[in-house]
């Protein structure tokens, strides 16, 4: 009976892979960003002009898709964007500049921070070639019919493809510590990034308790963690709706942050102590702007990040070698 069960399981998996084109079952695939080879390059395109933003664009929201383009205020690129309402992100592979995904966007805001300006764009439409048309159609149908879980955020129409494309760049999963001086909360985020050396931006759901805590206490520590902590980090996702609690409830690093004295997560490799200075709402998101108070690197190590299943499958189909971390 056990042998028959195993054979039946293998057959079901093969049939599923045949119809979906997907060999990985998890929607988001964890990895060590420091070991990630042959990434896509990302360019911002407007009219006949383009410039690279691979390491400088910020992914700040998913309903709607919100992308931040960070530019020096006096740069040629900033002068170009100041007069443009629309643009496009192209995700390209290799020296041939083969575009495997693109997102058209419209400008919705500009935030001045120090010597930089952050141009905020909302996604309009995304197109990708991670899967062929047949597989995309089958998976879109499965997504609508089979995987509508209560509590999940619905991503209607083309929005889901925009998100899949945005996650074709590894997004660092950091852990945020917030504290009232006695109790703490610790929760993960991948919607964040630096604006130069003095400022930082992140995004939280307006309806979440984590967002309320940041608004109330304003000081936070955001920590990058070693990739080996991928399972434990994902499990902390529920803390977005959790009240502050005793620090002993969490797995913590022996030392605390230098300036705020906040607990740090076990596995921390780098952290920034941030003071919230402003916020701005768009869609379901509150985008927080912080001043960087202090930054520390704790040894050399890996960095936890993740990509979308579609892009991971594309890499498998291209025979690119990766060490994916399966939860």
C-alpha atoms as a PDB file:
ATOM      1  CA  UNK A   1       0.000   0.000   0.000  1.00  0.00           C
ATOM      2  CA  UNK A   2       2.851   2.401   0.834  1.00  0.00           C
ATOM      3  CA  UNK A   3       4.454   1.769  -2.552  1.00  0.00           C
ATOM      4  CA  UNK A   4       1.155   2.442  -4.349  1.00  0.00           C
ATOM      5  CA  UNK A   5       0.734   5.681  -2.396  1.00  0.00           C
ATOM      6  CA  UNK A   6       4.243   6.832  -3.366  1.00  0.00           C
ATOM      7  CA  UNK A   7       3.619   5.997  -7.030  1.00  0.00           C
ATOM      8  CA  UNK A   8       0.305   7.872  -6.957  1.00  0.00           C
ATOM      9  CA  UNK A   9       2.018  10.914  -5.368  1.00  0.00           C
ATOM     10  CA  UNK A  10       4.740  10.950  -8.023  1.00  0.00           C
ATOM     11  CA  UNK A  11       2.180  10.680 -10.844  1.00  0.00           C
ATOM     12  CA  UNK A  12       0.124  13.579  -9.414  1.00  0.00           C
ATOM     13  CA  UNK A  13       3.245  15.724  -9.149  1.00  0.00           C
ATOM     14  CA  UNK A  14       4.303  14.934 -12.716  1.00  0.00           C
ATOM     15  CA  UNK A  15       0.820  15.779 -14.023  1.00  0.00           C
ATOM     16  CA  UNK A  16       0.812  19.035 -12.075  1.00  0.00           C
ATOM     17  CA  UNK A  17       4.241  19.997 -13.443  1.00  0.00           C
ATOM     18  CA  UNK A  18       3.115  19.070 -16.961  1.00  0.00           C
ATOM     19  CA  UNK A  19       0.110  21.396 -16.874  1.00  0.00           C
ATOM     20  CA  UNK A  20       1.623  24.276 -14.879  1.00  0.00           C
ATOM     21  CA  UNK A  21       5.253  24.259 -15.992  1.00  0.00           C
ATOM     22  CA  UNK A  22       6.255  24.701 -12.340  1.00  0.00           C
ATOM     23  CA  UNK A  23       8.579  22.349 -10.481  1.00  0.00           C
ATOM     24  CA  UNK A  24       8.706  24.392  -7.259  1.00  0.00           C
ATOM     25  CA  UNK A  25       5.624  24.305  -5.057  1.00  0.00           C
ATOM     26  CA  UNK A  26       6.226  27.435  -2.963  1.00  0.00           C
ATOM     27  CA  UNK A  27       5.142  30.811  -4.275  1.00  0.00           C
ATOM     28  CA  UNK A  28       8.188  32.672  -2.933  1.00  0.00           C
ATOM     29  CA  UNK A  29      11.586  30.999  -2.954  1.00  0.00           C
ATOM     30  CA  UNK A  30      14.200  31.925  -0.372  1.00  0.00           C
ATOM     31  CA  UNK A  31      17.900  32.252  -1.186  1.00  0.00           C
ATOM     32  CA  UNK A  32      21.168  33.757  -0.039  1.00  0.00           C
ATOM     33  CA  UNK A  33      21.517  37.031  -1.940  1.00  0.00           C
ATOM     34  CA  UNK A  34      25.300  37.050  -1.547  1.00  0.00           C
ATOM     35  CA  UNK A  35      25.531  33.781  -3.509  1.00  0.00           C
ATOM     36  CA  UNK A  36      23.005  34.728  -6.207  1.00  0.00           C
ATOM     37  CA  UNK A  37      24.706  34.717  -9.621  1.00  0.00           C
ATOM     38  CA  UNK A  38      23.609  36.091 -13.011  1.00  0.00           C
ATOM     39  CA  UNK A  39      20.817  38.362 -11.759  1.00  0.00           C
ATOM     40  CA  UNK A  40      18.617  40.410 -14.068  1.00  0.00           C
ATOM     41  CA  UNK A  41      19.532  44.045 -14.657  1.00  0.00           C
ATOM     42  CA  UNK A  42      16.813  46.660 -14.254  1.00  0.00           C
ATOM     43  CA  UNK A  43      16.512  49.805 -16.371  1.00  0.00           C
ATOM     44  CA  UNK A  44      14.128  52.734 -16.190  1.00  0.00           C
ATOM     45  CA  UNK A  45      12.853  53.712 -19.643  1.00  0.00           C
ATOM     46  CA  UNK A  46      11.074  56.937 -20.564  1.00  0.00           C
ATOM     47  CA  UNK A  47      10.625  58.050 -24.162  1.00  0.00           C
ATOM     48  CA  UNK A  48      13.979  57.347 -25.840  1.00  0.00           C
ATOM     49  CA  UNK A  49      16.008  57.624 -22.642  1.00  0.00           C
ATOM     50  CA  UNK A  50      17.062  54.906 -20.225  1.00  0.00           C
ATOM     51  CA  UNK A  51      19.301  54.447 -17.199  1.00  0.00           C
ATOM     52  CA  UNK A  52      20.106  51.531 -14.909  1.00  0.00           C
ATOM     53  CA  UNK A  53      18.372  51.236 -11.522  1.00  0.00           C
ATOM     54  CA  UNK A  54      19.197  47.610 -10.635  1.00  0.00           C
ATOM     55  CA  UNK A  55      20.508  48.354  -7.151  1.00  0.00           C
ATOM     56  CA  UNK A  56      18.863  51.732  -6.533  1.00  0.00           C
ATOM     57  CA  UNK A  57      15.142  51.236  -7.161  1.00  0.00           C
ATOM     58  CA  UNK A  58      12.871  50.498  -4.191  1.00  0.00           C
ATOM     59  CA  UNK A  59       9.970  48.030  -4.104  1.00  0.00           C
ATOM     60  CA  UNK A  60       7.508  49.658  -1.685  1.00  0.00           C
ATOM     61  CA  UNK A  61       4.039  48.272  -2.346  1.00  0.00           C
ATOM     62  CA  UNK A  62       1.994  45.524  -3.967  1.00  0.00           C
ATOM     63  CA  UNK A  63      -1.595  46.893  -3.942  1.00  0.00           C
ATOM     64  CA  UNK A  64      -1.009  48.880  -5.998  1.00  0.00           C
ATOM     65  CA  UNK A  65       2.542  48.135  -7.112  1.00  0.00           C
ATOM     66  CA  UNK A  66       4.706  51.020  -5.864  1.00  0.00           C
ATOM     67  CA  UNK A  67       8.266  51.534  -7.093  1.00  0.00           C
ATOM     68  CA  UNK A  68      10.646  54.242  -5.891  1.00  0.00           C
ATOM     69  CA  UNK A  69      13.378  55.588  -8.166  1.00  0.00           C
ATOM     70  CA  UNK A  70      16.149  57.195  -6.089  1.00  0.00           C
ATOM     71  CA  UNK A  71      18.164  59.871  -7.872  1.00  0.00           C
ATOM     72  CA  UNK A  72      20.594  62.618  -6.935  1.00  0.00           C
ATOM     73  CA  UNK A  73      18.676  65.882  -7.185  1.00  0.00           C
ATOM     74  CA  UNK A  74      21.106  67.586  -9.581  1.00  0.00           C
ATOM     75  CA  UNK A  75      21.626  64.567 -11.851  1.00  0.00           C
ATOM     76  CA  UNK A  76      20.624  64.402 -15.509  1.00  0.00           C
ATOM     77  CA  UNK A  77      18.292  61.512 -14.694  1.00  0.00           C
ATOM     78  CA  UNK A  78      16.449  63.604 -12.101  1.00  0.00           C
ATOM     79  CA  UNK A  79      16.021  66.437 -14.585  1.00  0.00           C
ATOM     80  CA  UNK A  80      14.616  63.912 -17.042  1.00  0.00           C
ATOM     81  CA  UNK A  81      12.114  62.386 -14.580  1.00  0.00           C
ATOM     82  CA  UNK A  82      10.929  65.729 -13.252  1.00  0.00           C
ATOM     83  CA  UNK A  83       9.249  66.387 -16.620  1.00  0.00           C
ATOM     84  CA  UNK A  84       7.902  62.881 -17.222  1.00  0.00           C
ATOM     85  CA  UNK A  85       4.634  61.376 -15.974  1.00  0.00           C
ATOM     86  CA  UNK A  86       5.088  57.837 -17.306  1.00  0.00           C
ATOM     87  CA  UNK A  87       7.931  55.346 -17.472  1.00  0.00           C
ATOM     88  CA  UNK A  88       8.737  51.656 -17.665  1.00  0.00           C
ATOM     89  CA  UNK A  89      10.958  49.222 -15.802  1.00  0.00           C
ATOM     90  CA  UNK A  90      12.705  46.669 -18.002  1.00  0.00           C
ATOM     91  CA  UNK A  91      14.113  43.495 -16.436  1.00  0.00           C
ATOM     92  CA  UNK A  92      16.863  42.145 -18.694  1.00  0.00           C
ATOM     93  CA  UNK A  93      19.160  39.142 -18.739  1.00  0.00           C
ATOM     94  CA  UNK A  94      22.711  38.924 -20.019  1.00  0.00           C
ATOM     95  CA  UNK A  95      24.787  41.021 -22.371  1.00  0.00           C
ATOM     96  CA  UNK A  96      22.188  40.662 -25.108  1.00  0.00           C
ATOM     97  CA  UNK A  97      19.823  42.780 -22.981  1.00  0.00           C
ATOM     98  CA  UNK A  98      17.031  40.292 -23.565  1.00  0.00           C
ATOM     99  CA  UNK A  99      13.960  41.715 -21.800  1.00  0.00           C
ATOM    100  CA  UNK A 100      12.162  38.990 -19.832  1.00  0.00           C
ATOM    101  CA  UNK A 101       9.784  41.316 -17.988  1.00  0.00           C
ATOM    102  CA  UNK A 102       8.589  44.920 -18.046  1.00  0.00           C
ATOM    103  CA  UNK A 103       6.256  47.090 -15.978  1.00  0.00           C
ATOM    104  CA  UNK A 104       4.708  50.307 -17.289  1.00  0.00           C
ATOM    105  CA  UNK A 105       4.134  52.902 -14.561  1.00  0.00           C
ATOM    106  CA  UNK A 106       2.829  56.391 -13.819  1.00  0.00           C
ATOM    107  CA  UNK A 107       4.374  58.927 -11.441  1.00  0.00           C
ATOM    108  CA  UNK A 108       2.335  59.542  -8.292  1.00  0.00           C
ATOM    109  CA  UNK A 109       4.634  61.483  -5.946  1.00  0.00           C
ATOM    110  CA  UNK A 110       8.111  62.856  -5.303  1.00  0.00           C
ATOM    111  CA  UNK A 111       9.787  62.975  -1.882  1.00  0.00           C
ATOM    112  CA  UNK A 112      12.873  65.101  -1.265  1.00  0.00           C
ATOM    113  CA  UNK A 113      15.369  63.566   1.167  1.00  0.00           C
ATOM    114  CA  UNK A 114      18.709  65.286   1.701  1.00  0.00           C
ATOM    115  CA  UNK A 115      20.490  65.506  -1.641  1.00  0.00           C
ATOM    116  CA  UNK A 116      18.227  62.891  -3.234  1.00  0.00           C
ATOM    117  CA  UNK A 117      14.737  62.811  -4.688  1.00  0.00           C
ATOM    118  CA  UNK A 118      12.615  59.676  -4.600  1.00  0.00           C
ATOM    119  CA  UNK A 119      10.210  59.488  -7.547  1.00  0.00           C
ATOM    120  CA  UNK A 120       7.313  57.199  -6.686  1.00  0.00           C
ATOM    121  CA  UNK A 121       5.544  55.295  -9.447  1.00  0.00           C
ATOM    122  CA  UNK A 122       2.429  53.135  -9.515  1.00  0.00           C
ATOM    123  CA  UNK A 123       2.294  50.090 -11.774  1.00  0.00           C
ATOM    124  CA  UNK A 124      -0.103  50.134 -14.738  1.00  0.00           C
ATOM    125  CA  UNK A 125       0.636  46.897 -16.583  1.00  0.00           C
ATOM    126  CA  UNK A 126       3.227  44.139 -16.486  1.00  0.00           C
ATOM    127  CA  UNK A 127       4.320  41.597 -19.094  1.00  0.00           C
ATOM    128  CA  UNK A 128       6.795  38.767 -18.671  1.00  0.00           C
ATOM    129  CA  UNK A 129       8.233  35.693 -20.383  1.00  0.00           C
ATOM    130  CA  UNK A 130       9.015  33.584 -17.328  1.00  0.00           C
ATOM    131  CA  UNK A 131       6.444  31.002 -18.470  1.00  0.00           C
ATOM    132  CA  UNK A 132       4.943  30.425 -21.897  1.00  0.00           C
ATOM    133  CA  UNK A 133       1.401  31.538 -22.714  1.00  0.00           C
ATOM    134  CA  UNK A 134      -0.167  28.130 -22.068  1.00  0.00           C
ATOM    135  CA  UNK A 135       1.392  27.768 -18.612  1.00  0.00           C
ATOM    136  CA  UNK A 136       0.506  31.349 -17.697  1.00  0.00           C
ATOM    137  CA  UNK A 137      -3.134  30.741 -18.616  1.00  0.00           C
ATOM    138  CA  UNK A 138      -3.327  27.517 -16.596  1.00  0.00           C
ATOM    139  CA  UNK A 139      -1.695  29.091 -13.542  1.00  0.00           C
ATOM    140  CA  UNK A 140      -3.876  32.190 -13.690  1.00  0.00           C
ATOM    141  CA  UNK A 141      -6.944  29.919 -13.713  1.00  0.00           C
ATOM    142  CA  UNK A 142      -5.614  27.862 -10.793  1.00  0.00           C
ATOM    143  CA  UNK A 143      -4.858  31.034  -8.870  1.00  0.00           C
ATOM    144  CA  UNK A 144      -8.407  32.308  -9.264  1.00  0.00           C
ATOM    145  CA  UNK A 145     -10.159  29.012  -8.540  1.00  0.00           C
ATOM    146  CA  UNK A 146      -8.014  26.981  -6.166  1.00  0.00           C
ATOM    147  CA  UNK A 147      -5.869  29.298  -4.076  1.00  0.00           C
ATOM    148  CA  UNK A 148      -8.193  32.031  -2.849  1.00  0.00           C
ATOM    149  CA  UNK A 149      -7.388  31.826   0.874  1.00  0.00           C
ATOM    150  CA  UNK A 150      -9.240  33.850   3.484  1.00  0.00           C
ATOM    151  CA  UNK A 151      -7.118  36.700   4.821  1.00  0.00           C
ATOM    152  CA  UNK A 152      -5.000  36.978   1.675  1.00  0.00           C
ATOM    153  CA  UNK A 153      -4.891  40.244  -0.229  1.00  0.00           C
ATOM    154  CA  UNK A 154      -6.652  39.888  -3.577  1.00  0.00           C
ATOM    155  CA  UNK A 155      -4.490  41.003  -6.515  1.00  0.00           C
ATOM    156  CA  UNK A 156      -6.924  41.541  -9.394  1.00  0.00           C
ATOM    157  CA  UNK A 157      -6.298  41.589 -13.117  1.00  0.00           C
ATOM    158  CA  UNK A 158      -2.767  42.262 -14.283  1.00  0.00           C
ATOM    159  CA  UNK A 159      -1.562  43.343 -10.841  1.00  0.00           C
ATOM    160  CA  UNK A 160      -0.370  39.850  -9.948  1.00  0.00           C
ATOM    161  CA  UNK A 161       1.922  39.756 -12.990  1.00  0.00           C
ATOM    162  CA  UNK A 162       3.359  43.129 -11.977  1.00  0.00           C
ATOM    163  CA  UNK A 163       4.189  41.663  -8.568  1.00  0.00           C
ATOM    164  CA  UNK A 164       5.754  38.548 -10.083  1.00  0.00           C
ATOM    165  CA  UNK A 165       8.013  40.720 -12.226  1.00  0.00           C
ATOM    166  CA  UNK A 166       8.986  42.944  -9.293  1.00  0.00           C
ATOM    167  CA  UNK A 167      10.072  39.808  -7.425  1.00  0.00           C
ATOM    168  CA  UNK A 168      12.434  38.797 -10.221  1.00  0.00           C
ATOM    169  CA  UNK A 169      14.967  40.918  -8.360  1.00  0.00           C
ATOM    170  CA  UNK A 170      15.893  39.271  -5.041  1.00  0.00           C
ATOM    171  CA  UNK A 171      14.153  41.241  -2.288  1.00  0.00           C
ATOM    172  CA  UNK A 172      15.943  41.278   1.053  1.00  0.00           C
ATOM    173  CA  UNK A 173      13.783  40.031   3.931  1.00  0.00           C
ATOM    174  CA  UNK A 174      14.729  42.035   6.999  1.00  0.00           C
ATOM    175  CA  UNK A 175      13.406  41.883  10.556  1.00  0.00           C
ATOM    176  CA  UNK A 176      12.058  45.001  12.257  1.00  0.00           C
ATOM    177  CA  UNK A 177      12.330  45.511  16.016  1.00  0.00           C
ATOM    178  CA  UNK A 178       9.907  47.983  17.581  1.00  0.00           C
ATOM    179  CA  UNK A 179       9.788  48.628  21.335  1.00  0.00           C
ATOM    180  CA  UNK A 180       8.084  50.704  24.006  1.00  0.00           C
ATOM    181  CA  UNK A 181      11.194  50.456  26.181  1.00  0.00           C
ATOM    182  CA  UNK A 182      10.097  47.254  27.892  1.00  0.00           C
ATOM    183  CA  UNK A 183       8.149  45.055  25.487  1.00  0.00           C
ATOM    184  CA  UNK A 184       8.977  44.427  21.818  1.00  0.00           C
ATOM    185  CA  UNK A 185       7.643  43.140  18.547  1.00  0.00           C
ATOM    186  CA  UNK A 186       9.708  41.544  15.792  1.00  0.00           C
ATOM    187  CA  UNK A 187       8.308  41.153  12.266  1.00  0.00           C
ATOM    188  CA  UNK A 188       9.659  40.645   8.724  1.00  0.00           C
ATOM    189  CA  UNK A 189       9.457  43.037   5.791  1.00  0.00           C
ATOM    190  CA  UNK A 190      10.687  43.007   2.195  1.00  0.00           C
ATOM    191  CA  UNK A 191       9.189  46.380   1.178  1.00  0.00           C
ATOM    192  CA  UNK A 192      12.063  48.654   2.123  1.00  0.00           C
ATOM    193  CA  UNK A 193      15.404  50.112   1.136  1.00  0.00           C
ATOM    194  CA  UNK A 194      17.978  52.876   1.679  1.00  0.00           C
ATOM    195  CA  UNK A 195      17.879  56.374   0.215  1.00  0.00           C
ATOM    196  CA  UNK A 196      21.556  57.249   0.234  1.00  0.00           C
ATOM    197  CA  UNK A 197      23.324  56.829   3.577  1.00  0.00           C
ATOM    198  CA  UNK A 198      21.174  59.138   5.699  1.00  0.00           C
ATOM    199  CA  UNK A 199      17.603  58.063   4.928  1.00  0.00           C
ATOM    200  CA  UNK A 200      15.543  54.905   4.585  1.00  0.00           C
ATOM    201  CA  UNK A 201      12.038  53.996   3.388  1.00  0.00           C
ATOM    202  CA  UNK A 202       9.734  51.104   4.165  1.00  0.00           C
ATOM    203  CA  UNK A 203       6.094  50.195   3.685  1.00  0.00           C
ATOM    204  CA  UNK A 204       3.540  48.527   5.947  1.00  0.00           C
ATOM    205  CA  UNK A 205      -0.146  47.685   5.577  1.00  0.00           C
ATOM    206  CA  UNK A 206      -2.255  50.473   7.020  1.00  0.00           C
ATOM    207  CA  UNK A 207      -4.532  47.960   8.781  1.00  0.00           C
ATOM    208  CA  UNK A 208      -1.719  46.106  10.565  1.00  0.00           C
ATOM    209  CA  UNK A 209      -0.702  46.418  14.200  1.00  0.00           C
ATOM    210  CA  UNK A 210       2.942  46.560  13.116  1.00  0.00           C
ATOM    211  CA  UNK A 211       2.176  49.780  11.258  1.00  0.00           C
ATOM    212  CA  UNK A 212       0.390  51.201  14.320  1.00  0.00           C
ATOM    213  CA  UNK A 213       3.407  50.369  16.479  1.00  0.00           C
ATOM    214  CA  UNK A 214       5.824  52.126  14.129  1.00  0.00           C
ATOM    215  CA  UNK A 215       3.571  55.184  14.036  1.00  0.00           C
ATOM    216  CA  UNK A 216       3.319  55.246  17.843  1.00  0.00           C
ATOM    217  CA  UNK A 217       6.930  54.620  18.873  1.00  0.00           C
ATOM    218  CA  UNK A 218       8.705  55.946  15.729  1.00  0.00           C
ATOM    219  CA  UNK A 219      12.106  54.408  16.537  1.00  0.00           C
ATOM    220  CA  UNK A 220      12.829  51.033  14.948  1.00  0.00           C
ATOM    221  CA  UNK A 221      15.755  48.770  14.165  1.00  0.00           C
ATOM    222  CA  UNK A 222      15.756  46.993  10.807  1.00  0.00           C
ATOM    223  CA  UNK A 223      18.084  43.984  10.631  1.00  0.00           C
ATOM    224  CA  UNK A 224      19.365  41.914   7.743  1.00  0.00           C
ATOM    225  CA  UNK A 225      19.683  38.259   8.762  1.00  0.00           C
ATOM    226  CA  UNK A 226      21.636  35.214   7.629  1.00  0.00           C
ATOM    227  CA  UNK A 227      19.893  33.096   4.999  1.00  0.00           C
ATOM    228  CA  UNK A 228      20.029  30.048   7.276  1.00  0.00           C
ATOM    229  CA  UNK A 229      17.287  31.752   9.332  1.00  0.00           C
ATOM    230  CA  UNK A 230      14.809  31.586   6.434  1.00  0.00           C
ATOM    231  CA  UNK A 231      12.286  29.269   8.108  1.00  0.00           C
ATOM    232  CA  UNK A 232      12.253  31.144  11.397  1.00  0.00           C
ATOM    233  CA  UNK A 233      11.969  34.499   9.611  1.00  0.00           C
ATOM    234  CA  UNK A 234       8.936  33.432   7.577  1.00  0.00           C
ATOM    235  CA  UNK A 235       7.217  32.171  10.736  1.00  0.00           C
ATOM    236  CA  UNK A 236       7.412  35.698  12.190  1.00  0.00           C
ATOM    237  CA  UNK A 237       5.052  36.986   9.483  1.00  0.00           C
ATOM    238  CA  UNK A 238       2.107  36.565  11.873  1.00  0.00           C
ATOM    239  CA  UNK A 239       3.635  39.233  14.106  1.00  0.00           C
ATOM    240  CA  UNK A 240       2.354  41.975  11.789  1.00  0.00           C
ATOM    241  CA  UNK A 241      -0.912  41.552  13.722  1.00  0.00           C
ATOM    242  CA  UNK A 242       0.632  40.930  17.152  1.00  0.00           C
ATOM    243  CA  UNK A 243       0.805  43.230  20.176  1.00  0.00           C
ATOM    244  CA  UNK A 244       4.126  44.000  21.851  1.00  0.00           C
ATOM    245  CA  UNK A 245       5.320  41.156  24.055  1.00  0.00           C
ATOM    246  CA  UNK A 246       8.061  40.022  26.384  1.00  0.00           C
ATOM    247  CA  UNK A 247      11.470  39.900  24.683  1.00  0.00           C
ATOM    248  CA  UNK A 248      11.920  36.359  26.017  1.00  0.00           C
ATOM    249  CA  UNK A 249       9.280  35.200  23.517  1.00  0.00           C
ATOM    250  CA  UNK A 250      11.768  35.778  20.671  1.00  0.00           C
ATOM    251  CA  UNK A 251      15.069  34.260  19.560  1.00  0.00           C
ATOM    252  CA  UNK A 252      17.524  37.128  20.055  1.00  0.00           C
ATOM    253  CA  UNK A 253      21.169  38.002  19.460  1.00  0.00           C
ATOM    254  CA  UNK A 254      23.192  38.414  22.681  1.00  0.00           C
ATOM    255  CA  UNK A 255      23.900  42.122  22.084  1.00  0.00           C
ATOM    256  CA  UNK A 256      21.474  45.037  21.668  1.00  0.00           C
ATOM    257  CA  UNK A 257      21.549  47.915  19.204  1.00  0.00           C
ATOM    258  CA  UNK A 258      24.082  50.640  19.999  1.00  0.00           C
ATOM    259  CA  UNK A 259      21.909  53.780  20.027  1.00  0.00           C
ATOM    260  CA  UNK A 260      18.402  52.612  20.991  1.00  0.00           C
ATOM    261  CA  UNK A 261      19.348  49.573  23.057  1.00  0.00           C
ATOM    262  CA  UNK A 262      16.759  47.481  21.177  1.00  0.00           C
ATOM    263  CA  UNK A 263      16.981  43.670  21.012  1.00  0.00           C
ATOM    264  CA  UNK A 264      18.319  42.263  17.741  1.00  0.00           C
ATOM    265  CA  UNK A 265      17.147  39.044  16.063  1.00  0.00           C
ATOM    266  CA  UNK A 266      19.242  35.923  16.220  1.00  0.00           C
ATOM    267  CA  UNK A 267      21.220  35.664  12.979  1.00  0.00           C
ATOM    268  CA  UNK A 268      21.571  39.428  12.463  1.00  0.00           C
ATOM    269  CA  UNK A 269      24.356  40.354  10.045  1.00  0.00           C
ATOM    270  CA  UNK A 270      23.716  44.090   9.686  1.00  0.00           C
ATOM    271  CA  UNK A 271      21.286  46.566  11.203  1.00  0.00           C
ATOM    272  CA  UNK A 272      20.181  50.181  10.971  1.00  0.00           C
ATOM    273  CA  UNK A 273      18.622  52.212  13.749  1.00  0.00           C
ATOM    274  CA  UNK A 274      15.945  54.435  12.228  1.00  0.00           C
ATOM    275  CA  UNK A 275      13.788  57.333  13.388  1.00  0.00           C
ATOM    276  CA  UNK A 276      10.502  57.806  11.534  1.00  0.00           C
ATOM    277  CA  UNK A 277      10.173  61.389  10.269  1.00  0.00           C
ATOM    278  CA  UNK A 278       7.186  61.257   7.918  1.00  0.00           C
ATOM    279  CA  UNK A 279       4.719  58.923   6.241  1.00  0.00           C
ATOM    280  CA  UNK A 280       2.455  58.853   3.217  1.00  0.00           C
ATOM    281  CA  UNK A 281      -0.509  56.604   2.343  1.00  0.00           C
ATOM    282  CA  UNK A 282      -1.231  55.003  -1.006  1.00  0.00           C
ATOM    283  CA  UNK A 283      -3.543  52.042  -1.581  1.00  0.00           C
ATOM    284  CA  UNK A 284      -3.306  49.623   1.348  1.00  0.00           C
ATOM    285  CA  UNK A 285       0.177  50.888   2.251  1.00  0.00           C
ATOM    286  CA  UNK A 286       1.654  53.480   4.568  1.00  0.00           C
ATOM    287  CA  UNK A 287       5.087  54.411   3.288  1.00  0.00           C
ATOM    288  CA  UNK A 288       7.370  55.448   6.138  1.00  0.00           C
ATOM    289  CA  UNK A 289      10.394  57.696   5.748  1.00  0.00           C
ATOM    290  CA  UNK A 290      13.193  57.417   8.312  1.00  0.00           C
ATOM    291  CA  UNK A 291      16.377  59.158   9.263  1.00  0.00           C
ATOM    292  CA  UNK A 292      19.284  56.738   9.728  1.00  0.00           C
ATOM    293  CA  UNK A 293      20.594  57.248  13.265  1.00  0.00           C
ATOM    294  CA  UNK A 294      23.200  54.486  13.249  1.00  0.00           C
ATOM    295  CA  UNK A 295      24.321  51.548  11.135  1.00  0.00           C
ATOM    296  CA  UNK A 296      26.341  48.516  12.209  1.00  0.00           C
ATOM    297  CA  UNK A 297      27.732  45.464  10.400  1.00  0.00           C
ATOM    298  CA  UNK A 298      28.095  42.337  12.518  1.00  0.00           C
ATOM    299  CA  UNK A 299      30.694  40.245  10.715  1.00  0.00           C
ATOM    300  CA  UNK A 300      30.533  38.935   7.179  1.00  0.00           C
ATOM    301  CA  UNK A 301      27.756  36.590   6.228  1.00  0.00           C
ATOM    302  CA  UNK A 302      24.857  35.739   4.013  1.00  0.00           C
ATOM    303  CA  UNK A 303      21.745  37.826   3.412  1.00  0.00           C
ATOM    304  CA  UNK A 304      18.234  36.365   3.348  1.00  0.00           C
ATOM    305  CA  UNK A 305      16.164  37.309   0.298  1.00  0.00           C
ATOM    306  CA  UNK A 306      13.479  35.764  -1.883  1.00  0.00           C
ATOM    307  CA  UNK A 307      12.186  35.726  -5.457  1.00  0.00           C
ATOM    308  CA  UNK A 308       8.905  34.703  -7.043  1.00  0.00           C
ATOM    309  CA  UNK A 309       8.259  31.120  -8.106  1.00  0.00           C
ATOM    310  CA  UNK A 310       7.842  32.114 -11.786  1.00  0.00           C
ATOM    311  CA  UNK A 311      11.269  33.720 -11.988  1.00  0.00           C
ATOM    312  CA  UNK A 312      12.811  30.821 -10.072  1.00  0.00           C
ATOM    313  CA  UNK A 313      11.305  28.434 -12.625  1.00  0.00           C
ATOM    314  CA  UNK A 314      12.651  30.566 -15.482  1.00  0.00           C
ATOM    315  CA  UNK A 315      16.131  30.268 -13.981  1.00  0.00           C
ATOM    316  CA  UNK A 316      15.744  26.491 -13.743  1.00  0.00           C
ATOM    317  CA  UNK A 317      14.624  26.353 -17.387  1.00  0.00           C
ATOM    318  CA  UNK A 318      17.675  28.444 -18.369  1.00  0.00           C
ATOM    319  CA  UNK A 319      19.957  25.966 -16.560  1.00  0.00           C
ATOM    320  CA  UNK A 320      21.155  28.641 -14.145  1.00  0.00           C
ATOM    321  CA  UNK A 321      22.599  27.114 -10.989  1.00  0.00           C
ATOM    322  CA  UNK A 322      20.990  28.239  -7.755  1.00  0.00           C
ATOM    323  CA  UNK A 323      20.764  26.980  -4.195  1.00  0.00           C
ATOM    324  CA  UNK A 324      17.139  27.574  -3.315  1.00  0.00           C
ATOM    325  CA  UNK A 325      16.043  27.314   0.316  1.00  0.00           C
ATOM    326  CA  UNK A 326      12.773  25.390   0.456  1.00  0.00           C
ATOM    327  CA  UNK A 327      10.710  25.884   3.579  1.00  0.00           C
END
